Amino acid sequence: MNTSPDTDSYTSNVTAGPGGAMTDDVGVITGDLTVRTTLTGDQRSAHVTVQYTGADEWYTLTGSPAPIPEGGLAAYHRDLLGRIRRGQGATAT
């Protein structure tokens, strides 16, 4: 994960747990994923996209854009990665 405190985007690789992550575009995706969390223009929410690691296509994670908690975008991204690791059709909210 990039670690600059003033970044407006984070991208990380993660292996989805059983039940994977739910997307608006293709339903549940599983396996090795790349997750990108980007601050929206209002600075209060994040747009989340996922892809199979190494693929060209990005999919919107269901529930995106999602509100950013007080901890900021980096904390939200870390929490999201944990939820995707747990799987169970993880969403952005």
PDB file of N, CA and C in Angstrom:
ATOM      1  N   MET A   1       0.858  -1.179   0.000  1.00  0.00           N
ATOM      2  CA  MET A   1       0.000   0.000   0.000  1.00  0.00           C
ATOM      3  C   MET A   1       0.894   1.229   0.000  1.00  0.00           C
ATOM      4  N   ASN A   2       0.581   2.210  -0.859  1.00  0.00           N
ATOM      5  CA  ASN A   2       1.353   3.443  -0.776  1.00  0.00           C
ATOM      6  C   ASN A   2       1.029   4.124   0.545  1.00  0.00           C
ATOM      7  N   THR A   3       2.019   4.844   1.123  1.00  0.00           N
ATOM      8  CA  THR A   3       1.878   5.283   2.509  1.00  0.00           C
ATOM      9  C   THR A   3       1.937   6.789   2.711  1.00  0.00           C
ATOM     10  N   SER A   4       1.996   7.598   1.677  1.00  0.00           N
ATOM     11  CA  SER A   4       2.038   9.043   1.840  1.00  0.00           C
ATOM     12  C   SER A   4       0.761   9.519   2.534  1.00  0.00           C
ATOM     13  N   PRO A   5       0.872  10.307   3.611  1.00  0.00           N
ATOM     14  CA  PRO A   5      -0.318  10.705   4.360  1.00  0.00           C
ATOM     15  C   PRO A   5      -1.261  11.612   3.570  1.00  0.00           C
ATOM     16  N   ASP A   6      -0.778  12.258   2.523  1.00  0.00           N
ATOM     17  CA  ASP A   6      -1.633  13.178   1.780  1.00  0.00           C
ATOM     18  C   ASP A   6      -2.083  12.608   0.438  1.00  0.00           C
ATOM     19  N   THR A   7      -1.960  11.309   0.256  1.00  0.00           N
ATOM     20  CA  THR A   7      -2.338  10.706  -1.012  1.00  0.00           C
ATOM     21  C   THR A   7      -3.856  10.678  -1.156  1.00  0.00           C
ATOM     22  N   ASP A   8      -4.329  10.704  -2.398  1.00  0.00           N
ATOM     23  CA  ASP A   8      -5.766  10.630  -2.634  1.00  0.00           C
ATOM     24  C   ASP A   8      -6.146   9.294  -3.264  1.00  0.00           C
ATOM     25  N   SER A   9      -5.195   8.333  -3.273  1.00  0.00           N
ATOM     26  CA  SER A   9      -5.478   7.019  -3.834  1.00  0.00           C
ATOM     27  C   SER A   9      -4.531   5.982  -3.242  1.00  0.00           C
ATOM     28  N   TYR A  10      -5.072   4.797  -2.956  1.00  0.00           N
ATOM     29  CA  TYR A  10      -4.272   3.675  -2.480  1.00  0.00           C
ATOM     30  C   TYR A  10      -4.579   2.464  -3.347  1.00  0.00           C
ATOM     31  N   THR A  11      -3.549   1.694  -3.671  1.00  0.00           N
ATOM     32  CA  THR A  11      -3.709   0.474  -4.441  1.00  0.00           C
ATOM     33  C   THR A  11      -2.934  -0.632  -3.751  1.00  0.00           C
ATOM     34  N   SER A  12      -3.611  -1.770  -3.518  1.00  0.00           N
ATOM     35  CA  SER A  12      -2.986  -2.898  -2.822  1.00  0.00           C
ATOM     36  C   SER A  12      -3.473  -4.210  -3.421  1.00  0.00           C
ATOM     37  N   ASN A  13      -2.621  -5.226  -3.294  1.00  0.00           N
ATOM     38  CA  ASN A  13      -3.008  -6.581  -3.675  1.00  0.00           C
ATOM     39  C   ASN A  13      -3.472  -7.321  -2.433  1.00  0.00           C
ATOM     40  N   VAL A  14      -4.481  -8.176  -2.616  1.00  0.00           N
ATOM     41  CA  VAL A  14      -5.067  -8.927  -1.507  1.00  0.00           C
ATOM     42  C   VAL A  14      -5.652 -10.216  -2.070  1.00  0.00           C
ATOM     43  N   THR A  15      -5.661 -11.258  -1.264  1.00  0.00           N
ATOM     44  CA  THR A  15      -6.343 -12.492  -1.643  1.00  0.00           C
ATOM     45  C   THR A  15      -7.682 -12.513  -0.922  1.00  0.00           C
ATOM     46  N   ALA A  16      -8.746 -12.571  -1.697  1.00  0.00           N
ATOM     47  CA  ALA A  16     -10.092 -12.567  -1.124  1.00  0.00           C
ATOM     48  C   ALA A  16     -10.374 -13.871  -0.394  1.00  0.00           C
ATOM     49  N   GLY A  17     -11.034 -13.747   0.735  1.00  0.00           N
ATOM     50  CA  GLY A  17     -11.425 -14.922   1.504  1.00  0.00           C
ATOM     51  C   GLY A  17     -12.629 -15.613   0.879  1.00  0.00           C
ATOM     52  N   PRO A  18     -13.091 -16.688   1.508  1.00  0.00           N
ATOM     53  CA  PRO A  18     -14.240 -17.437   0.990  1.00  0.00           C
ATOM     54  C   PRO A  18     -15.450 -16.530   0.764  1.00  0.00           C
ATOM     55  N   GLY A  19     -16.015 -16.576  -0.414  1.00  0.00           N
ATOM     56  CA  GLY A  19     -17.152 -15.725  -0.753  1.00  0.00           C
ATOM     57  C   GLY A  19     -16.734 -14.444  -1.443  1.00  0.00           C
ATOM     58  N   GLY A  20     -15.442 -14.150  -1.485  1.00  0.00           N
ATOM     59  CA  GLY A  20     -14.883 -13.059  -2.266  1.00  0.00           C
ATOM     60  C   GLY A  20     -15.406 -11.670  -1.983  1.00  0.00           C
ATOM     61  N   ALA A  21     -15.379 -10.842  -3.029  1.00  0.00           N
ATOM     62  CA  ALA A  21     -15.809  -9.451  -2.971  1.00  0.00           C
ATOM     63  C   ALA A  21     -16.915  -9.250  -4.001  1.00  0.00           C
ATOM     64  N   MET A  22     -17.946  -8.494  -3.632  1.00  0.00           N
ATOM     65  CA  MET A  22     -19.102  -8.277  -4.496  1.00  0.00           C
ATOM     66  C   MET A  22     -18.897  -7.022  -5.350  1.00  0.00           C
ATOM     67  N   THR A  23     -19.068  -7.180  -6.664  1.00  0.00           N
ATOM     68  CA  THR A  23     -18.959  -6.043  -7.571  1.00  0.00           C
ATOM     69  C   THR A  23     -20.311  -5.748  -8.207  1.00  0.00           C
ATOM     70  N   ASP A  24     -20.487  -4.503  -8.651  1.00  0.00           N
ATOM     71  CA  ASP A  24     -21.702  -4.119  -9.367  1.00  0.00           C
ATOM     72  C   ASP A  24     -21.710  -4.710 -10.775  1.00  0.00           C
ATOM     73  N   ASP A  25     -20.522  -4.937 -11.323  1.00  0.00           N
ATOM     74  CA  ASP A  25     -20.392  -5.274 -12.733  1.00  0.00           C
ATOM     75  C   ASP A  25     -20.528  -6.762 -13.033  1.00  0.00           C
ATOM     76  N   VAL A  26     -19.888  -7.608 -12.227  1.00  0.00           N
ATOM     77  CA  VAL A  26     -19.838  -9.045 -12.542  1.00  0.00           C
ATOM     78  C   VAL A  26     -20.185  -9.929 -11.354  1.00  0.00           C
ATOM     79  N   GLY A  27     -20.715  -9.359 -10.288  1.00  0.00           N
ATOM     80  CA  GLY A  27     -21.033 -10.144  -9.099  1.00  0.00           C
ATOM     81  C   GLY A  27     -19.790 -10.420  -8.275  1.00  0.00           C
ATOM     82  N   VAL A  28     -19.746 -11.572  -7.655  1.00  0.00           N
ATOM     83  CA  VAL A  28     -18.645 -11.919  -6.751  1.00  0.00           C
ATOM     84  C   VAL A  28     -17.387 -12.270  -7.544  1.00  0.00           C
ATOM     85  N   ILE A  29     -16.249 -11.730  -7.094  1.00  0.00           N
ATOM     86  CA  ILE A  29     -14.958 -12.150  -7.632  1.00  0.00           C
ATOM     87  C   ILE A  29     -14.119 -12.668  -6.478  1.00  0.00           C
ATOM     88  N   THR A  30     -13.265 -13.639  -6.770  1.00  0.00           N
ATOM     89  CA  THR A  30     -12.475 -14.308  -5.742  1.00  0.00           C
ATOM     90  C   THR A  30     -11.030 -14.415  -6.191  1.00  0.00           C
ATOM     91  N   GLY A  31     -10.189 -14.865  -5.296  1.00  0.00           N
ATOM     92  CA  GLY A  31      -8.793 -15.103  -5.633  1.00  0.00           C
ATOM     93  C   GLY A  31      -7.928 -13.889  -5.373  1.00  0.00           C
ATOM     94  N   ASP A  32      -6.853 -13.772  -6.157  1.00  0.00           N
ATOM     95  CA  ASP A  32      -5.900 -12.666  -5.998  1.00  0.00           C
ATOM     96  C   ASP A  32      -6.452 -11.430  -6.699  1.00  0.00           C
ATOM     97  N   LEU A  33      -6.658 -10.373  -5.902  1.00  0.00           N
ATOM     98  CA  LEU A  33      -7.272  -9.148  -6.401  1.00  0.00           C
ATOM     99  C   LEU A  33      -6.374  -7.952  -6.155  1.00  0.00           C
ATOM    100  N   THR A  34      -6.551  -6.930  -6.965  1.00  0.00           N
ATOM    101  CA  THR A  34      -5.950  -5.625  -6.732  1.00  0.00           C
ATOM    102  C   THR A  34      -7.090  -4.671  -6.412  1.00  0.00           C
ATOM    103  N   VAL A  35      -6.930  -3.922  -5.330  1.00  0.00           N
ATOM    104  CA  VAL A  35      -7.963  -3.012  -4.847  1.00  0.00           C
ATOM    105  C   VAL A  35      -7.436  -1.587  -4.948  1.00  0.00           C
ATOM    106  N   ARG A  36      -8.237  -0.705  -5.547  1.00  0.00           N
ATOM    107  CA  ARG A  36      -7.865   0.710  -5.647  1.00  0.00           C
ATOM    108  C   ARG A  36      -8.952   1.543  -4.972  1.00  0.00           C
ATOM    109  N   THR A  37      -8.544   2.345  -4.002  1.00  0.00           N
ATOM    110  CA  THR A  37      -9.438   3.224  -3.247  1.00  0.00           C
ATOM    111  C   THR A  37      -9.031   4.660  -3.567  1.00  0.00           C
ATOM    112  N   THR A  38      -9.969   5.442  -4.111  1.00  0.00           N
ATOM    113  CA  THR A  38      -9.666   6.797  -4.557  1.00  0.00           C
ATOM    114  C   THR A  38     -10.614   7.796  -3.915  1.00  0.00           C
ATOM    115  N   LEU A  39     -10.063   8.854  -3.365  1.00  0.00           N
ATOM    116  CA  LEU A  39     -10.849   9.929  -2.765  1.00  0.00           C
ATOM    117  C   LEU A  39     -11.694  10.594  -3.848  1.00  0.00           C
ATOM    118  N   THR A  40     -12.979  10.803  -3.563  1.00  0.00           N
ATOM    119  CA  THR A  40     -13.847  11.484  -4.527  1.00  0.00           C
ATOM    120  C   THR A  40     -13.695  12.995  -4.378  1.00  0.00           C
ATOM    121  N   GLY A  41     -14.285  13.717  -5.296  1.00  0.00           N
ATOM    122  CA  GLY A  41     -14.168  15.177  -5.311  1.00  0.00           C
ATOM    123  C   GLY A  41     -14.689  15.859  -4.071  1.00  0.00           C
ATOM    124  N   ASP A  42     -15.666  15.256  -3.387  1.00  0.00           N
ATOM    125  CA  ASP A  42     -16.211  15.882  -2.176  1.00  0.00           C
ATOM    126  C   ASP A  42     -15.307  15.687  -0.957  1.00  0.00           C
ATOM    127  N   GLN A  43     -14.248  14.878  -1.111  1.00  0.00           N
ATOM    128  CA  GLN A  43     -13.278  14.622  -0.038  1.00  0.00           C
ATOM    129  C   GLN A  43     -13.881  13.893   1.165  1.00  0.00           C
ATOM    130  N   ARG A  44     -15.112  13.389   1.041  1.00  0.00           N
ATOM    131  CA  ARG A  44     -15.773  12.709   2.159  1.00  0.00           C
ATOM    132  C   ARG A  44     -16.102  11.255   1.842  1.00  0.00           C
ATOM    133  N   SER A  45     -15.849  10.843   0.618  1.00  0.00           N
ATOM    134  CA  SER A  45     -16.151   9.466   0.244  1.00  0.00           C
ATOM    135  C   SER A  45     -15.055   8.923  -0.673  1.00  0.00           C
ATOM    136  N   ALA A  46     -15.092   7.602  -0.847  1.00  0.00           N
ATOM    137  CA  ALA A  46     -14.077   6.922  -1.642  1.00  0.00           C
ATOM    138  C   ALA A  46     -14.748   6.073  -2.709  1.00  0.00           C
ATOM    139  N   HIS A  47     -14.191   6.108  -3.894  1.00  0.00           N
ATOM    140  CA  HIS A  47     -14.609   5.225  -4.978  1.00  0.00           C
ATOM    141  C   HIS A  47     -13.673   4.018  -4.930  1.00  0.00           C
ATOM    142  N   VAL A  48     -14.248   2.815  -4.916  1.00  0.00           N
ATOM    143  CA  VAL A  48     -13.458   1.596  -4.784  1.00  0.00           C
ATOM    144  C   VAL A  48     -13.651   0.729  -6.025  1.00  0.00           C
ATOM    145  N   THR A  49     -12.527   0.356  -6.635  1.00  0.00           N
ATOM    146  CA  THR A  49     -12.555  -0.566  -7.759  1.00  0.00           C
ATOM    147  C   THR A  49     -11.639  -1.747  -7.458  1.00  0.00           C
ATOM    148  N   VAL A  50     -11.962  -2.886  -8.060  1.00  0.00           N
ATOM    149  CA  VAL A  50     -11.162  -4.096  -7.887  1.00  0.00           C
ATOM    150  C   VAL A  50     -10.956  -4.759  -9.233  1.00  0.00           C
ATOM    151  N   GLN A  51      -9.886  -5.517  -9.319  1.00  0.00           N
ATOM    152  CA  GLN A  51      -9.619  -6.292 -10.523  1.00  0.00           C
ATOM    153  C   GLN A  51      -8.913  -7.572 -10.114  1.00  0.00           C
ATOM    154  N   TYR A  52      -8.998  -8.575 -10.993  1.00  0.00           N
ATOM    155  CA  TYR A  52      -8.138  -9.728 -10.807  1.00  0.00           C
ATOM    156  C   TYR A  52      -6.720  -9.225 -11.019  1.00  0.00           C
ATOM    157  N   THR A  53      -5.816  -9.535 -10.113  1.00  0.00           N
ATOM    158  CA  THR A  53      -4.447  -9.037 -10.202  1.00  0.00           C
ATOM    159  C   THR A  53      -3.857  -9.386 -11.563  1.00  0.00           C
ATOM    160  N   GLY A  54      -3.359  -8.361 -12.244  1.00  0.00           N
ATOM    161  CA  GLY A  54      -2.750  -8.538 -13.552  1.00  0.00           C
ATOM    162  C   GLY A  54      -3.705  -8.382 -14.725  1.00  0.00           C
ATOM    163  N   ALA A  55      -5.007  -8.275 -14.450  1.00  0.00           N
ATOM    164  CA  ALA A  55      -6.004  -8.126 -15.520  1.00  0.00           C
ATOM    165  C   ALA A  55      -6.104  -6.661 -15.952  1.00  0.00           C
ATOM    166  N   ASP A  56      -6.808  -6.436 -17.050  1.00  0.00           N
ATOM    167  CA  ASP A  56      -7.017  -5.077 -17.546  1.00  0.00           C
ATOM    168  C   ASP A  56      -8.299  -4.445 -17.010  1.00  0.00           C
ATOM    169  N   GLU A  57      -9.312  -5.254 -16.742  1.00  0.00           N
ATOM    170  CA  GLU A  57     -10.623  -4.735 -16.372  1.00  0.00           C
ATOM    171  C   GLU A  57     -10.709  -4.421 -14.886  1.00  0.00           C
ATOM    172  N   TRP A  58     -11.296  -3.264 -14.591  1.00  0.00           N
ATOM    173  CA  TRP A  58     -11.581  -2.870 -13.213  1.00  0.00           C
ATOM    174  C   TRP A  58     -13.083  -2.923 -13.009  1.00  0.00           C
ATOM    175  N   TYR A  59     -13.522  -3.334 -11.813  1.00  0.00           N
ATOM    176  CA  TYR A  59     -14.933  -3.436 -11.475  1.00  0.00           C
ATOM    177  C   TYR A  59     -15.219  -2.599 -10.234  1.00  0.00           C
ATOM    178  N   THR A  60     -16.389  -1.971 -10.203  1.00  0.00           N
ATOM    179  CA  THR A  60     -16.785  -1.181  -9.046  1.00  0.00           C
ATOM    180  C   THR A  60     -17.232  -2.106  -7.922  1.00  0.00           C
ATOM    181  N   LEU A  61     -16.649  -1.920  -6.737  1.00  0.00           N
ATOM    182  CA  LEU A  61     -17.053  -2.702  -5.573  1.00  0.00           C
ATOM    183  C   LEU A  61     -18.426  -2.210  -5.128  1.00  0.00           C
ATOM    184  N   THR A  62     -19.344  -3.132  -4.895  1.00  0.00           N
ATOM    185  CA  THR A  62     -20.700  -2.775  -4.481  1.00  0.00           C
ATOM    186  C   THR A  62     -20.651  -1.897  -3.229  1.00  0.00           C
ATOM    187  N   GLY A  63     -21.445  -0.834  -3.247  1.00  0.00           N
ATOM    188  CA  GLY A  63     -21.474   0.121  -2.136  1.00  0.00           C
ATOM    189  C   GLY A  63     -20.598   1.330  -2.358  1.00  0.00           C
ATOM    190  N   SER A  64     -19.849   1.336  -3.454  1.00  0.00           N
ATOM    191  CA  SER A  64     -18.968   2.459  -3.787  1.00  0.00           C
ATOM    192  C   SER A  64     -19.748   3.479  -4.612  1.00  0.00           C
ATOM    193  N   PRO A  65     -19.537   4.782  -4.331  1.00  0.00           N
ATOM    194  CA  PRO A  65     -18.621   5.349  -3.349  1.00  0.00           C
ATOM    195  C   PRO A  65     -19.145   5.165  -1.925  1.00  0.00           C
ATOM    196  N   ALA A  66     -18.194   5.065  -1.015  1.00  0.00           N
ATOM    197  CA  ALA A  66     -18.502   4.823   0.393  1.00  0.00           C
ATOM    198  C   ALA A  66     -17.980   5.979   1.241  1.00  0.00           C
ATOM    199  N   PRO A  67     -18.682   6.309   2.339  1.00  0.00           N
ATOM    200  CA  PRO A  67     -18.197   7.374   3.222  1.00  0.00           C
ATOM    201  C   PRO A  67     -16.879   6.989   3.879  1.00  0.00           C
ATOM    202  N   ILE A  68     -16.031   7.975   4.051  1.00  0.00           N
ATOM    203  CA  ILE A  68     -14.733   7.763   4.696  1.00  0.00           C
ATOM    204  C   ILE A  68     -14.874   8.067   6.185  1.00  0.00           C
ATOM    205  N   PRO A  69     -14.421   7.149   7.049  1.00  0.00           N
ATOM    206  CA  PRO A  69     -14.507   7.397   8.495  1.00  0.00           C
ATOM    207  C   PRO A  69     -13.507   8.465   8.933  1.00  0.00           C
ATOM    208  N   GLU A  70     -13.609   8.849  10.189  1.00  0.00           N
ATOM    209  CA  GLU A  70     -12.734   9.884  10.743  1.00  0.00           C
ATOM    210  C   GLU A  70     -11.258   9.581  10.571  1.00  0.00           C
ATOM    211  N   GLY A  71     -10.877   8.303  10.541  1.00  0.00           N
ATOM    212  CA  GLY A  71      -9.471   7.932  10.420  1.00  0.00           C
ATOM    213  C   GLY A  71      -8.854   8.273   9.071  1.00  0.00           C
ATOM    214  N   GLY A  72      -9.687   8.638   8.085  1.00  0.00           N
ATOM    215  CA  GLY A  72      -9.180   9.044   6.786  1.00  0.00           C
ATOM    216  C   GLY A  72      -9.136   7.904   5.773  1.00  0.00           C
ATOM    217  N   LEU A  73      -8.670   8.254   4.589  1.00  0.00           N
ATOM    218  CA  LEU A  73      -8.662   7.316   3.463  1.00  0.00           C
ATOM    219  C   LEU A  73      -7.748   6.121   3.718  1.00  0.00           C
ATOM    220  N   ALA A  74      -6.580   6.337   4.299  1.00  0.00           N
ATOM    221  CA  ALA A  74      -5.649   5.234   4.553  1.00  0.00           C
ATOM    222  C   ALA A  74      -6.273   4.211   5.495  1.00  0.00           C
ATOM    223  N   ALA A  75      -6.924   4.679   6.556  1.00  0.00           N
ATOM    224  CA  ALA A  75      -7.568   3.772   7.507  1.00  0.00           C
ATOM    225  C   ALA A  75      -8.717   3.022   6.843  1.00  0.00           C
ATOM    226  N   TYR A  76      -9.482   3.714   6.020  1.00  0.00           N
ATOM    227  CA  TYR A  76     -10.576   3.057   5.307  1.00  0.00           C
ATOM    228  C   TYR A  76     -10.028   1.957   4.399  1.00  0.00           C
ATOM    229  N   HIS A  77      -8.966   2.263   3.659  1.00  0.00           N
ATOM    230  CA  HIS A  77      -8.370   1.294   2.736  1.00  0.00           C
ATOM    231  C   HIS A  77      -7.884   0.053   3.496  1.00  0.00           C
ATOM    232  N   ARG A  78      -7.191   0.259   4.615  1.00  0.00           N
ATOM    233  CA  ARG A  78      -6.716  -0.870   5.427  1.00  0.00           C
ATOM    234  C   ARG A  78      -7.883  -1.729   5.916  1.00  0.00           C
ATOM    235  N   ASP A  79      -8.949  -1.076   6.409  1.00  0.00           N
ATOM    236  CA  ASP A  79     -10.120  -1.802   6.881  1.00  0.00           C
ATOM    237  C   ASP A  79     -10.767  -2.585   5.737  1.00  0.00           C
ATOM    238  N   LEU A  80     -10.862  -1.971   4.586  1.00  0.00           N
ATOM    239  CA  LEU A  80     -11.453  -2.622   3.422  1.00  0.00           C
ATOM    240  C   LEU A  80     -10.660  -3.861   3.029  1.00  0.00           C
ATOM    241  N   LEU A  81      -9.339  -3.774   3.035  1.00  0.00           N
ATOM    242  CA  LEU A  81      -8.517  -4.938   2.711  1.00  0.00           C
ATOM    243  C   LEU A  81      -8.793  -6.078   3.687  1.00  0.00           C
ATOM    244  N   GLY A  82      -8.947  -5.765   4.962  1.00  0.00           N
ATOM    245  CA  GLY A  82      -9.264  -6.788   5.955  1.00  0.00           C
ATOM    246  C   GLY A  82     -10.605  -7.447   5.673  1.00  0.00           C
ATOM    247  N   ARG A  83     -11.596  -6.655   5.290  1.00  0.00           N
ATOM    248  CA  ARG A  83     -12.908  -7.216   4.982  1.00  0.00           C
ATOM    249  C   ARG A  83     -12.853  -8.105   3.746  1.00  0.00           C
ATOM    250  N   ILE A  84     -12.072  -7.711   2.746  1.00  0.00           N
ATOM    251  CA  ILE A  84     -11.941  -8.538   1.541  1.00  0.00           C
ATOM    252  C   ILE A  84     -11.203  -9.829   1.877  1.00  0.00           C
ATOM    253  N   ARG A  85     -10.188  -9.764   2.732  1.00  0.00           N
ATOM    254  CA  ARG A  85      -9.496 -10.989   3.161  1.00  0.00           C
ATOM    255  C   ARG A  85     -10.449 -11.979   3.837  1.00  0.00           C
ATOM    256  N   ARG A  86     -11.420 -11.436   4.562  1.00  0.00           N
ATOM    257  CA  ARG A  86     -12.409 -12.287   5.216  1.00  0.00           C
ATOM    258  C   ARG A  86     -13.439 -12.809   4.211  1.00  0.00           C
ATOM    259  N   GLY A  87     -13.627 -12.099   3.099  1.00  0.00           N
ATOM    260  CA  GLY A  87     -14.531 -12.538   2.054  1.00  0.00           C
ATOM    261  C   GLY A  87     -15.993 -12.290   2.383  1.00  0.00           C
ATOM    262  N   GLN A  88     -16.823 -13.314   2.192  1.00  0.00           N
ATOM    263  CA  GLN A  88     -18.248 -13.241   2.495  1.00  0.00           C
ATOM    264  C   GLN A  88     -18.955 -12.171   1.656  1.00  0.00           C
ATOM    265  N   GLY A  89     -18.537 -11.992   0.397  1.00  0.00           N
ATOM    266  CA  GLY A  89     -19.162 -11.006  -0.467  1.00  0.00           C
ATOM    267  C   GLY A  89     -18.889  -9.589  -0.007  1.00  0.00           C
ATOM    268  N   ALA A  90     -17.650  -9.305   0.396  1.00  0.00           N
ATOM    269  CA  ALA A  90     -17.272  -8.001   0.937  1.00  0.00           C
ATOM    270  C   ALA A  90     -17.714  -6.870   0.013  1.00  0.00           C
ATOM    271  N   THR A  91     -18.187  -5.798   0.618  1.00  0.00           N
ATOM    272  CA  THR A  91     -18.607  -4.599  -0.119  1.00  0.00           C
ATOM    273  C   THR A  91     -17.847  -3.391   0.400  1.00  0.00           C
ATOM    274  N   ALA A  92     -18.070  -2.254  -0.243  1.00  0.00           N
ATOM    275  CA  ALA A  92     -17.381  -1.024   0.126  1.00  0.00           C
ATOM    276  C   ALA A  92     -17.923  -0.408   1.403  1.00  0.00           C
ATOM    277  N   THR A  93     -19.120  -0.824   1.819  1.00  0.00           N
ATOM    278  CA  THR A  93     -19.712  -0.240   3.030  1.00  0.00           C
ATOM    279  C   THR A  93     -19.929  -1.304   4.090  1.00  0.00           C
TER     280      THR A  93
END
